[in-house]
Amino acid sequence: MGVVSFLLTAIIVVIIAAVADKLSPFSMPGSWAGLIIAGFSGEWIGSVIFGPWGPMVFGVSLIPALVGAFIVIFIVGLIADLFK
């Protein structure tokens, strides 16, 4: 994976995580850095749970990544709200 490929993948997962953040009742702490972490971990969790299906952009399956990012943001946001 080259630098350009990594940057394009990072942009895609940040967009996916931003959409999941808007859909979630909790918000992801950490601003854009939190979205990057949620996007990459959500993409990994979604691909493990659902496999690679649906539309793919730069090697990222969009639907499993969105669902995985939603799960990550929901759990992290819930934990962050409990400790406020």
Foldseek 3Di string as FASTA:
>chain_A
DDPVLVVVLLVLLLVLLVVLQVVAPFHQPDPSVSSSVLSVQQQVVLCVVPNQDDDDDSRGRRPSSNVSSNVVGNVNRVVVVVVD
